[in-house]
């Protein structure tokens, strides 16, 4: 089943002195589904939010991934840089009835190797399938690549389940250091089939971005950005929204 990413329709409460306004913000294309902004916290600032799906994720090559997971002896470890890659592994185990053999033997064999992860969200999902991740404090692929390079070079490739939009930073850094790696695309990002219908009535409204990357993406599509939050926090967004809702205001 495709996974979804969202934008949010945000409305000031009826008791707000600023009246009623529609705004929208979007998380960046590369932002994890599990790090969706905690919109419920905006209620503390008199704002209501409704999520609208904008992107879906389709899983690919699951039979091939399942085959590779069945042969840990052929790899030096695993690399996970997104929660969706972990979800692909979980789907393989469920669809191919490998949960039992995973629990009895495969999990232990993979845990005898290095399992590298980026971020706490990915690390949490890795833990849920019984693997012991390391490197979760690395904030991005480049930092994880440096971490991997600081370890002993494996004799066989590291298995890297990833998306079709993965960057080249990690693969190139490992290649330059002579660390073997085999990547496999296990998901792709596609537009949500209902996005046009959901948003076509809102293009004349205000758009709010969380971070400069999203601002640039929205601007490139011709969408006016009324505000860019200074930090990816509810407090910063609420502050920006308050400014954006003032007459002839820009932040």
C-alpha atoms as a PDB file:
ATOM      1  CA  UNK A   1       0.000   0.000   0.000  1.00  0.00           C
ATOM      2  CA  UNK A   2       1.360   3.457  -0.877  1.00  0.00           C
ATOM      3  CA  UNK A   3       2.490   5.627   2.000  1.00  0.00           C
ATOM      4  CA  UNK A   4       1.494   9.303   2.098  1.00  0.00           C
ATOM      5  CA  UNK A   5       3.017  12.688   2.774  1.00  0.00           C
ATOM      6  CA  UNK A   6       0.902  15.692   3.595  1.00  0.00           C
ATOM      7  CA  UNK A   7       0.346  19.393   3.468  1.00  0.00           C
ATOM      8  CA  UNK A   8      -1.797  21.076   6.046  1.00  0.00           C
ATOM      9  CA  UNK A   9      -4.732  23.421   5.727  1.00  0.00           C
ATOM     10  CA  UNK A  10      -4.523  25.739   8.716  1.00  0.00           C
ATOM     11  CA  UNK A  11      -7.351  27.934   9.964  1.00  0.00           C
ATOM     12  CA  UNK A  12      -7.319  30.442  12.796  1.00  0.00           C
ATOM     13  CA  UNK A  13      -9.937  29.755  15.432  1.00  0.00           C
ATOM     14  CA  UNK A  14     -13.197  31.613  15.403  1.00  0.00           C
ATOM     15  CA  UNK A  15     -12.252  33.375  18.609  1.00  0.00           C
ATOM     16  CA  UNK A  16      -9.048  34.760  17.154  1.00  0.00           C
ATOM     17  CA  UNK A  17      -8.864  38.508  16.684  1.00  0.00           C
ATOM     18  CA  UNK A  18      -7.265  37.844  13.307  1.00  0.00           C
ATOM     19  CA  UNK A  19     -10.445  36.277  11.967  1.00  0.00           C
ATOM     20  CA  UNK A  20     -10.625  33.251   9.691  1.00  0.00           C
ATOM     21  CA  UNK A  21      -7.884  32.529   7.164  1.00  0.00           C
ATOM     22  CA  UNK A  22      -6.801  29.502   5.175  1.00  0.00           C
ATOM     23  CA  UNK A  23      -3.082  28.756   5.024  1.00  0.00           C
ATOM     24  CA  UNK A  24      -1.135  25.748   3.821  1.00  0.00           C
ATOM     25  CA  UNK A  25       2.301  24.379   4.494  1.00  0.00           C
ATOM     26  CA  UNK A  26       4.188  21.477   3.023  1.00  0.00           C
ATOM     27  CA  UNK A  27       6.974  19.286   4.313  1.00  0.00           C
ATOM     28  CA  UNK A  28       9.965  18.953   2.011  1.00  0.00           C
ATOM     29  CA  UNK A  29      10.096  16.131  -0.574  1.00  0.00           C
ATOM     30  CA  UNK A  30      12.826  14.392   1.352  1.00  0.00           C
ATOM     31  CA  UNK A  31      11.279  14.742   4.788  1.00  0.00           C
ATOM     32  CA  UNK A  32      10.414  11.551   6.555  1.00  0.00           C
ATOM     33  CA  UNK A  33       6.806  10.518   6.984  1.00  0.00           C
ATOM     34  CA  UNK A  34       7.509   9.912  10.662  1.00  0.00           C
ATOM     35  CA  UNK A  35       8.693  13.495  11.202  1.00  0.00           C
ATOM     36  CA  UNK A  36       5.460  15.145  10.073  1.00  0.00           C
ATOM     37  CA  UNK A  37       5.044  18.407  11.939  1.00  0.00           C
ATOM     38  CA  UNK A  38       3.130  18.054  15.255  1.00  0.00           C
ATOM     39  CA  UNK A  39       0.154  20.068  14.057  1.00  0.00           C
ATOM     40  CA  UNK A  40      -1.949  19.373  17.138  1.00  0.00           C
ATOM     41  CA  UNK A  41       0.369  21.648  19.096  1.00  0.00           C
ATOM     42  CA  UNK A  42      -0.770  24.572  16.962  1.00  0.00           C
ATOM     43  CA  UNK A  43      -4.063  24.436  18.847  1.00  0.00           C
ATOM     44  CA  UNK A  44      -2.238  26.082  21.728  1.00  0.00           C
ATOM     45  CA  UNK A  45      -1.897  29.130  19.494  1.00  0.00           C
ATOM     46  CA  UNK A  46      -5.514  29.257  18.311  1.00  0.00           C
ATOM     47  CA  UNK A  47      -4.846  27.468  15.021  1.00  0.00           C
ATOM     48  CA  UNK A  48      -6.611  24.449  13.586  1.00  0.00           C
ATOM     49  CA  UNK A  49      -5.054  22.186  10.936  1.00  0.00           C
ATOM     50  CA  UNK A  50      -6.395  19.652   8.448  1.00  0.00           C
ATOM     51  CA  UNK A  51      -3.925  17.341   6.695  1.00  0.00           C
ATOM     52  CA  UNK A  52      -4.155  16.866   2.934  1.00  0.00           C
ATOM     53  CA  UNK A  53      -2.157  14.008   1.295  1.00  0.00           C
ATOM     54  CA  UNK A  54       0.195  15.254  -1.430  1.00  0.00           C
ATOM     55  CA  UNK A  55       2.660  12.429  -1.998  1.00  0.00           C
ATOM     56  CA  UNK A  56       2.484   8.646  -1.908  1.00  0.00           C
ATOM     57  CA  UNK A  57       5.203   6.018  -1.760  1.00  0.00           C
ATOM     58  CA  UNK A  58       5.045   2.844  -3.827  1.00  0.00           C
ATOM     59  CA  UNK A  59       7.241  -0.092  -2.927  1.00  0.00           C
ATOM     60  CA  UNK A  60       9.432  -1.700  -5.588  1.00  0.00           C
ATOM     61  CA  UNK A  61      11.547  -4.813  -6.073  1.00  0.00           C
ATOM     62  CA  UNK A  62      10.322  -6.494  -2.911  1.00  0.00           C
ATOM     63  CA  UNK A  63      10.980 -10.051  -4.203  1.00  0.00           C
ATOM     64  CA  UNK A  64      14.576  -9.095  -4.967  1.00  0.00           C
ATOM     65  CA  UNK A  65      14.992  -7.453  -1.562  1.00  0.00           C
ATOM     66  CA  UNK A  66      13.479 -10.509   0.115  1.00  0.00           C
ATOM     67  CA  UNK A  67      15.998 -12.752  -1.626  1.00  0.00           C
ATOM     68  CA  UNK A  68      18.897 -10.607  -0.472  1.00  0.00           C
ATOM     69  CA  UNK A  69      17.598 -10.520   3.090  1.00  0.00           C
ATOM     70  CA  UNK A  70      17.545 -14.321   3.047  1.00  0.00           C
ATOM     71  CA  UNK A  71      21.304 -14.415   2.421  1.00  0.00           C
ATOM     72  CA  UNK A  72      23.036 -12.247   5.030  1.00  0.00           C
ATOM     73  CA  UNK A  73      26.267 -14.139   4.389  1.00  0.00           C
ATOM     74  CA  UNK A  74      26.579 -12.254   1.111  1.00  0.00           C
ATOM     75  CA  UNK A  75      26.677  -8.837   2.731  1.00  0.00           C
ATOM     76  CA  UNK A  76      28.734  -6.939   5.258  1.00  0.00           C
ATOM     77  CA  UNK A  77      25.762  -5.214   6.829  1.00  0.00           C
ATOM     78  CA  UNK A  78      22.780  -2.973   6.151  1.00  0.00           C
ATOM     79  CA  UNK A  79      22.317   0.752   5.574  1.00  0.00           C
ATOM     80  CA  UNK A  80      19.007   2.516   6.238  1.00  0.00           C
ATOM     81  CA  UNK A  81      18.634   6.229   5.537  1.00  0.00           C
ATOM     82  CA  UNK A  82      14.816   6.429   5.561  1.00  0.00           C
ATOM     83  CA  UNK A  83      11.927   4.867   7.474  1.00  0.00           C
ATOM     84  CA  UNK A  84      10.375   3.683   4.199  1.00  0.00           C
ATOM     85  CA  UNK A  85      13.334   1.452   3.484  1.00  0.00           C
ATOM     86  CA  UNK A  86      12.750  -0.238   6.834  1.00  0.00           C
ATOM     87  CA  UNK A  87       9.062  -0.544   5.999  1.00  0.00           C
ATOM     88  CA  UNK A  88      10.064  -2.318   2.770  1.00  0.00           C
ATOM     89  CA  UNK A  89      11.977  -4.899   4.798  1.00  0.00           C
ATOM     90  CA  UNK A  90       8.992  -5.372   7.085  1.00  0.00           C
ATOM     91  CA  UNK A  91       6.708  -5.873   4.083  1.00  0.00           C
ATOM     92  CA  UNK A  92       9.065  -8.495   2.656  1.00  0.00           C
ATOM     93  CA  UNK A  93       8.937 -10.462   5.865  1.00  0.00           C
ATOM     94  CA  UNK A  94       5.145 -10.295   6.014  1.00  0.00           C
ATOM     95  CA  UNK A  95       4.394 -10.978   2.344  1.00  0.00           C
ATOM     96  CA  UNK A  96       6.807 -13.887   1.986  1.00  0.00           C
ATOM     97  CA  UNK A  97       5.900 -15.501   5.314  1.00  0.00           C
ATOM     98  CA  UNK A  98       9.447 -15.036   6.528  1.00  0.00           C
ATOM     99  CA  UNK A  99       8.609 -13.640   9.928  1.00  0.00           C
ATOM    100  CA  UNK A 100       9.267 -16.959  11.650  1.00  0.00           C
ATOM    101  CA  UNK A 101      12.606 -17.635   9.961  1.00  0.00           C
ATOM    102  CA  UNK A 102      13.556 -13.997  10.561  1.00  0.00           C
ATOM    103  CA  UNK A 103      12.950 -14.383  14.276  1.00  0.00           C
ATOM    104  CA  UNK A 104      14.671 -17.775  14.477  1.00  0.00           C
ATOM    105  CA  UNK A 105      17.827 -17.153  12.490  1.00  0.00           C
ATOM    106  CA  UNK A 106      18.001 -14.312   9.956  1.00  0.00           C
ATOM    107  CA  UNK A 107      17.666 -11.519  12.492  1.00  0.00           C
ATOM    108  CA  UNK A 108      20.548 -12.881  14.543  1.00  0.00           C
ATOM    109  CA  UNK A 109      22.730 -13.263  11.470  1.00  0.00           C
ATOM    110  CA  UNK A 110      22.115  -9.678  10.402  1.00  0.00           C
ATOM    111  CA  UNK A 111      22.730  -8.434  13.939  1.00  0.00           C
ATOM    112  CA  UNK A 112      26.152 -10.077  13.805  1.00  0.00           C
ATOM    113  CA  UNK A 113      26.930  -7.434  11.189  1.00  0.00           C
ATOM    114  CA  UNK A 114      26.710  -3.653  11.229  1.00  0.00           C
ATOM    115  CA  UNK A 115      23.291  -2.055  10.703  1.00  0.00           C
ATOM    116  CA  UNK A 116      23.775   1.642   9.962  1.00  0.00           C
ATOM    117  CA  UNK A 117      20.911   4.145  10.288  1.00  0.00           C
ATOM    118  CA  UNK A 118      20.297   7.880   9.926  1.00  0.00           C
ATOM    119  CA  UNK A 119      18.128   9.548  12.553  1.00  0.00           C
ATOM    120  CA  UNK A 120      16.138   8.430  15.539  1.00  0.00           C
ATOM    121  CA  UNK A 121      12.944   7.795  13.563  1.00  0.00           C
ATOM    122  CA  UNK A 122      14.671   5.287  11.304  1.00  0.00           C
ATOM    123  CA  UNK A 123      16.512   3.765  14.256  1.00  0.00           C
ATOM    124  CA  UNK A 124      13.212   3.246  16.064  1.00  0.00           C
ATOM    125  CA  UNK A 125      11.733   1.303  13.141  1.00  0.00           C
ATOM    126  CA  UNK A 126      14.914  -0.724  12.773  1.00  0.00           C
ATOM    127  CA  UNK A 127      14.642  -1.664  16.431  1.00  0.00           C
ATOM    128  CA  UNK A 128      11.031  -2.770  15.942  1.00  0.00           C
ATOM    129  CA  UNK A 129      12.088  -5.398  13.399  1.00  0.00           C
ATOM    130  CA  UNK A 130      14.673  -6.665  15.849  1.00  0.00           C
ATOM    131  CA  UNK A 131      17.839  -5.129  14.455  1.00  0.00           C
ATOM    132  CA  UNK A 132      20.456  -3.241  16.446  1.00  0.00           C
ATOM    133  CA  UNK A 133      21.167  -0.019  14.591  1.00  0.00           C
ATOM    134  CA  UNK A 134      24.123   2.276  14.996  1.00  0.00           C
ATOM    135  CA  UNK A 135      24.883   5.781  13.758  1.00  0.00           C
ATOM    136  CA  UNK A 136      21.421   7.160  14.519  1.00  0.00           C
ATOM    137  CA  UNK A 137      22.943  10.375  15.819  1.00  0.00           C
ATOM    138  CA  UNK A 138      24.249  11.128  12.355  1.00  0.00           C
ATOM    139  CA  UNK A 139      22.041  13.902  11.036  1.00  0.00           C
ATOM    140  CA  UNK A 140      22.370  13.174   7.343  1.00  0.00           C
ATOM    141  CA  UNK A 141      23.790  10.795   4.746  1.00  0.00           C
ATOM    142  CA  UNK A 142      27.158  12.544   4.597  1.00  0.00           C
ATOM    143  CA  UNK A 143      27.671  12.195   8.348  1.00  0.00           C
ATOM    144  CA  UNK A 144      26.604   8.563   8.230  1.00  0.00           C
ATOM    145  CA  UNK A 145      29.044   7.921   5.399  1.00  0.00           C
ATOM    146  CA  UNK A 146      31.842   9.385   7.531  1.00  0.00           C
ATOM    147  CA  UNK A 147      30.753   7.160  10.402  1.00  0.00           C
ATOM    148  CA  UNK A 148      30.774   4.062   8.181  1.00  0.00           C
ATOM    149  CA  UNK A 149      34.182   4.993   6.821  1.00  0.00           C
ATOM    150  CA  UNK A 150      35.531   5.145  10.366  1.00  0.00           C
ATOM    151  CA  UNK A 151      34.719   1.459  10.785  1.00  0.00           C
ATOM    152  CA  UNK A 152      36.555  -1.564   9.456  1.00  0.00           C
ATOM    153  CA  UNK A 153      36.012  -2.017   5.727  1.00  0.00           C
ATOM    154  CA  UNK A 154      33.822  -5.078   5.049  1.00  0.00           C
ATOM    155  CA  UNK A 155      35.006  -7.756   2.642  1.00  0.00           C
ATOM    156  CA  UNK A 156      31.551  -7.994   1.049  1.00  0.00           C
ATOM    157  CA  UNK A 157      29.118  -5.200   0.113  1.00  0.00           C
ATOM    158  CA  UNK A 158      26.862  -3.348   2.489  1.00  0.00           C
ATOM    159  CA  UNK A 159      23.220  -3.710   1.444  1.00  0.00           C
ATOM    160  CA  UNK A 160      21.518  -0.344   0.967  1.00  0.00           C
ATOM    161  CA  UNK A 161      17.715  -0.451   0.450  1.00  0.00           C
ATOM    162  CA  UNK A 162      16.717   3.020  -0.709  1.00  0.00           C
ATOM    163  CA  UNK A 163      14.315   5.160  -2.730  1.00  0.00           C
ATOM    164  CA  UNK A 164      14.620   6.164  -6.356  1.00  0.00           C
ATOM    165  CA  UNK A 165      15.284   9.765  -5.299  1.00  0.00           C
ATOM    166  CA  UNK A 166      18.220   8.958  -3.052  1.00  0.00           C
ATOM    167  CA  UNK A 167      21.144  11.330  -3.208  1.00  0.00           C
ATOM    168  CA  UNK A 168      24.615  10.407  -4.420  1.00  0.00           C
ATOM    169  CA  UNK A 169      26.463  11.657  -1.353  1.00  0.00           C
ATOM    170  CA  UNK A 170      26.615   8.423   0.631  1.00  0.00           C
ATOM    171  CA  UNK A 171      27.287   6.063  -2.316  1.00  0.00           C
ATOM    172  CA  UNK A 172      30.004   8.341  -3.695  1.00  0.00           C
ATOM    173  CA  UNK A 173      31.723   8.808  -0.352  1.00  0.00           C
ATOM    174  CA  UNK A 174      31.797   5.069   0.289  1.00  0.00           C
ATOM    175  CA  UNK A 175      33.029   4.387  -3.239  1.00  0.00           C
ATOM    176  CA  UNK A 176      35.828   6.938  -2.842  1.00  0.00           C
ATOM    177  CA  UNK A 177      36.927   5.181   0.366  1.00  0.00           C
ATOM    178  CA  UNK A 178      36.847   1.764  -1.271  1.00  0.00           C
ATOM    179  CA  UNK A 179      33.916   0.497   0.803  1.00  0.00           C
ATOM    180  CA  UNK A 180      31.765  -1.907  -1.241  1.00  0.00           C
ATOM    181  CA  UNK A 181      28.036  -1.244  -1.307  1.00  0.00           C
ATOM    182  CA  UNK A 182      25.066  -2.656  -3.189  1.00  0.00           C
ATOM    183  CA  UNK A 183      22.009  -0.436  -3.438  1.00  0.00           C
ATOM    184  CA  UNK A 184      18.502  -1.568  -4.340  1.00  0.00           C
ATOM    185  CA  UNK A 185      15.594   0.762  -5.026  1.00  0.00           C
ATOM    186  CA  UNK A 186      12.714  -0.417  -2.862  1.00  0.00           C
ATOM    187  CA  UNK A 187      10.316   2.525  -3.104  1.00  0.00           C
ATOM    188  CA  UNK A 188       9.482   5.487  -5.280  1.00  0.00           C
ATOM    189  CA  UNK A 189       7.757   8.793  -4.603  1.00  0.00           C
ATOM    190  CA  UNK A 190       4.660   9.612  -6.654  1.00  0.00           C
ATOM    191  CA  UNK A 191       2.028  12.378  -6.537  1.00  0.00           C
ATOM    192  CA  UNK A 192      -1.003  11.465  -4.514  1.00  0.00           C
ATOM    193  CA  UNK A 193      -3.838  10.709  -6.976  1.00  0.00           C
ATOM    194  CA  UNK A 194      -6.200  13.122  -5.213  1.00  0.00           C
ATOM    195  CA  UNK A 195      -3.821  16.045  -4.771  1.00  0.00           C
ATOM    196  CA  UNK A 196      -5.133  18.199  -7.627  1.00  0.00           C
ATOM    197  CA  UNK A 197      -8.705  17.963  -6.465  1.00  0.00           C
ATOM    198  CA  UNK A 198      -7.724  18.625  -2.862  1.00  0.00           C
ATOM    199  CA  UNK A 199      -5.673  21.723  -3.552  1.00  0.00           C
ATOM    200  CA  UNK A 200      -7.220  23.317  -6.635  1.00  0.00           C
ATOM    201  CA  UNK A 201      -9.428  25.547  -4.491  1.00  0.00           C
ATOM    202  CA  UNK A 202      -6.542  26.783  -2.371  1.00  0.00           C
ATOM    203  CA  UNK A 203      -3.987  28.165  -4.804  1.00  0.00           C
ATOM    204  CA  UNK A 204      -5.115  31.734  -4.181  1.00  0.00           C
ATOM    205  CA  UNK A 205      -4.628  31.360  -0.437  1.00  0.00           C
ATOM    206  CA  UNK A 206      -1.501  31.790   1.657  1.00  0.00           C
ATOM    207  CA  UNK A 207       1.219  29.158   1.778  1.00  0.00           C
ATOM    208  CA  UNK A 208       3.600  28.667   4.668  1.00  0.00           C
ATOM    209  CA  UNK A 209       6.864  26.719   4.453  1.00  0.00           C
ATOM    210  CA  UNK A 210       8.883  25.026   7.178  1.00  0.00           C
ATOM    211  CA  UNK A 211      12.431  25.778   6.102  1.00  0.00           C
ATOM    212  CA  UNK A 212      14.115  27.411   3.095  1.00  0.00           C
ATOM    213  CA  UNK A 213      14.199  24.224   0.994  1.00  0.00           C
ATOM    214  CA  UNK A 214      10.419  24.035   0.956  1.00  0.00           C
ATOM    215  CA  UNK A 215      10.179  27.776   0.293  1.00  0.00           C
ATOM    216  CA  UNK A 216      12.350  27.399  -2.793  1.00  0.00           C
ATOM    217  CA  UNK A 217      10.322  24.400  -3.974  1.00  0.00           C
ATOM    218  CA  UNK A 218       7.005  26.227  -3.601  1.00  0.00           C
ATOM    219  CA  UNK A 219       8.350  29.372  -5.241  1.00  0.00           C
ATOM    220  CA  UNK A 220       9.677  27.344  -8.161  1.00  0.00           C
ATOM    221  CA  UNK A 221       6.131  26.080  -8.724  1.00  0.00           C
ATOM    222  CA  UNK A 222       4.780  29.608  -8.758  1.00  0.00           C
ATOM    223  CA  UNK A 223       3.115  29.377  -5.355  1.00  0.00           C
ATOM    224  CA  UNK A 224       3.338  32.497  -3.158  1.00  0.00           C
ATOM    225  CA  UNK A 225       4.998  31.812   0.177  1.00  0.00           C
ATOM    226  CA  UNK A 226       3.642  34.095   2.877  1.00  0.00           C
ATOM    227  CA  UNK A 227       5.990  32.912   5.583  1.00  0.00           C
ATOM    228  CA  UNK A 228       8.975  30.667   6.230  1.00  0.00           C
ATOM    229  CA  UNK A 229       9.285  29.410   9.788  1.00  0.00           C
ATOM    230  CA  UNK A 230      12.675  30.216  11.283  1.00  0.00           C
ATOM    231  CA  UNK A 231      12.836  26.795  12.952  1.00  0.00           C
ATOM    232  CA  UNK A 232      10.927  23.508  12.456  1.00  0.00           C
ATOM    233  CA  UNK A 233       9.001  23.922  15.709  1.00  0.00           C
ATOM    234  CA  UNK A 234       5.352  24.644  16.524  1.00  0.00           C
ATOM    235  CA  UNK A 235       6.418  27.824  18.304  1.00  0.00           C
ATOM    236  CA  UNK A 236       8.333  29.179  15.317  1.00  0.00           C
ATOM    237  CA  UNK A 237       5.525  28.284  12.936  1.00  0.00           C
ATOM    238  CA  UNK A 238       2.902  29.927  15.141  1.00  0.00           C
ATOM    239  CA  UNK A 239       5.004  33.076  15.335  1.00  0.00           C
ATOM    240  CA  UNK A 240       5.374  33.145  11.578  1.00  0.00           C
ATOM    241  CA  UNK A 241       1.681  32.500  11.025  1.00  0.00           C
ATOM    242  CA  UNK A 242       0.728  35.331  13.356  1.00  0.00           C
ATOM    243  CA  UNK A 243       2.878  37.687  11.322  1.00  0.00           C
ATOM    244  CA  UNK A 244       1.597  36.332   8.005  1.00  0.00           C
ATOM    245  CA  UNK A 245      -2.011  36.874   9.041  1.00  0.00           C
ATOM    246  CA  UNK A 246      -1.490  40.539   9.744  1.00  0.00           C
ATOM    247  CA  UNK A 247      -2.674  42.811   6.904  1.00  0.00           C
ATOM    248  CA  UNK A 248       0.002  43.287   4.221  1.00  0.00           C
ATOM    249  CA  UNK A 249       2.454  41.302   6.301  1.00  0.00           C
ATOM    250  CA  UNK A 250       5.347  39.225   5.037  1.00  0.00           C
ATOM    251  CA  UNK A 251       7.826  37.167   7.037  1.00  0.00           C
END
